[in-house]
Protein backbone atom coordinates (compact mmCIF):
# COMPACT_ATOMS: atom_id res chain seq x y z
CA MET A 1 -9.44 5.19 -28.68
CA THR A 2 -12.67 6.49 -29.66
CA ASN A 3 -12.44 6.95 -33.26
CA PRO A 4 -10.17 4.07 -34.69
CA THR A 5 -9.35 4.80 -38.50
CA TYR A 6 -9.70 1.55 -41.50
CA ALA A 7 -5.94 1.31 -41.50
CA TRP A 8 -6.05 0.68 -37.26
CA LEU A 9 -8.63 -1.68 -37.55
CA LYS A 10 -6.78 -3.80 -40.35
CA LYS A 11 -3.84 -4.14 -38.44
CA ALA A 12 -6.09 -5.05 -35.29
CA ILE A 13 -7.61 -7.78 -37.44
CA ASP A 14 -5.14 -8.54 -39.16
CA HIS A 15 -2.68 -9.20 -35.95
CA LEU A 16 -5.79 -11.03 -34.50
CA GLU A 17 -6.05 -13.64 -37.74
CA GLU A 18 -2.37 -14.10 -37.10
CA GLY A 19 -2.23 -15.61 -33.48
CA HIS A 20 -5.24 -17.68 -34.97
CA HIS A 21 -3.57 -19.48 -37.36
CA ALA A 22 -0.53 -19.90 -35.06
CA ILE A 23 -2.41 -21.56 -32.51
CA MET A 24 -4.20 -23.64 -35.09
CA PHE A 25 -0.66 -24.75 -36.81
CA LEU A 26 -0.14 -25.73 -33.40
CA TYR A 27 -2.98 -27.54 -32.78
CA LYS A 28 -3.04 -29.42 -36.07
CA ALA A 29 0.66 -30.53 -35.53
CA ASP A 30 1.38 -34.38 -35.50
CA ARG A 31 -0.02 -34.99 -31.69
CA GLN A 32 2.22 -37.99 -31.47
CA LYS A 33 5.37 -35.90 -31.39
CA TYR A 34 4.33 -32.35 -30.21
CA GLY A 35 1.54 -33.66 -27.48
CA GLU A 36 3.40 -32.82 -24.60
CA LEU A 37 4.69 -29.53 -25.94
CA VAL A 38 0.75 -28.53 -26.68
CA GLU A 39 -0.26 -29.44 -22.84
CA GLN A 40 2.55 -27.38 -21.80
CA ARG A 41 1.75 -24.77 -23.56
CA GLU A 42 -1.98 -25.06 -22.61
CA ILE A 43 -0.76 -25.44 -18.49
CA ASN A 44 1.41 -22.20 -18.81
CA SER A 45 -1.02 -19.86 -20.68
CA LEU A 46 -3.89 -21.06 -17.75
CA GLN A 47 -1.55 -20.35 -15.59
CA LYS A 48 -0.59 -16.98 -17.14
CA LYS A 49 2.98 -18.12 -16.96
CA ASP A 50 3.11 -17.81 -20.94
CA HIS A 51 1.19 -16.70 -23.78
CA PHE A 52 0.57 -18.53 -26.77
CA GLN A 53 2.74 -17.74 -29.56
CA ARG A 54 1.21 -14.60 -31.73
CA SER A 55 3.20 -15.58 -34.95
CA MET A 56 3.92 -18.46 -37.51
CA ASN A 57 7.41 -17.45 -37.46
CA ASP A 58 7.47 -17.98 -33.14
CA THR A 59 5.32 -21.60 -33.91
CA CYS A 60 7.62 -22.60 -36.72
CA SER A 61 10.48 -22.13 -34.56
CA ILE A 62 9.02 -23.74 -31.15
CA LEU A 63 7.98 -27.18 -33.30
CA ALA A 64 11.51 -27.03 -35.14
CA SER A 65 13.42 -26.97 -31.83
CA TRP A 66 10.87 -29.15 -29.89
CA LYS A 67 12.85 -32.25 -28.77
CA ASN A 68 10.24 -35.21 -27.76
CA LYS A 69 11.64 -37.06 -24.93
CA PHE A 70 9.25 -39.95 -26.30
CA CYS A 71 10.66 -39.96 -29.83
CA ASN A 72 14.24 -39.33 -28.72
CA ASN A 73 14.61 -42.90 -26.96
CA GLY A 74 12.87 -44.98 -29.21
CA ASP A 75 10.02 -45.68 -26.94
CA MET A 76 6.88 -44.26 -28.74
CA TYR A 77 4.63 -43.99 -25.58
CA THR A 78 2.23 -41.07 -25.48
CA GLU A 79 -1.74 -40.16 -25.63
CA ALA A 80 -1.94 -41.04 -29.34
CA ASN A 81 -0.39 -44.14 -28.81
CA ASP A 82 -0.93 -45.85 -25.35
CA GLY A 83 1.21 -49.38 -26.05
CA ILE A 84 -2.31 -51.39 -25.63
CA ALA A 85 -2.71 -53.82 -29.09
CA PHE A 86 -5.49 -55.85 -29.12
CA MET A 87 -5.75 -59.31 -30.75
CA THR A 88 -8.76 -61.46 -31.47
CA MET A 89 -8.49 -65.48 -31.36
CA GLY A 90 -10.57 -67.37 -33.42
CA LYS A 91 -11.67 -70.63 -35.42
CA GLU A 92 -10.38 -70.06 -38.72
CA ASP A 93 -13.16 -71.51 -41.48
């Protein structure tokens, strides 16, 4: 299209903004619960198997139906919580 109309440009920009908001919403989701999902989506997108969702409705549907294998069995080991704890020992004053 050599001379796009204002309406066409506005529609294109709105579509891009919706996709940007959907991606940002996914990245701002709880990493402990959805971290594995985000990583899978990134890998699939880089390998051109699947693209990031284009709308907030798609993102919300994906997050709502996601089952994190780490949360379901009671083990909370993820990148956000690697299970390491530190303790300091010293003399009480």
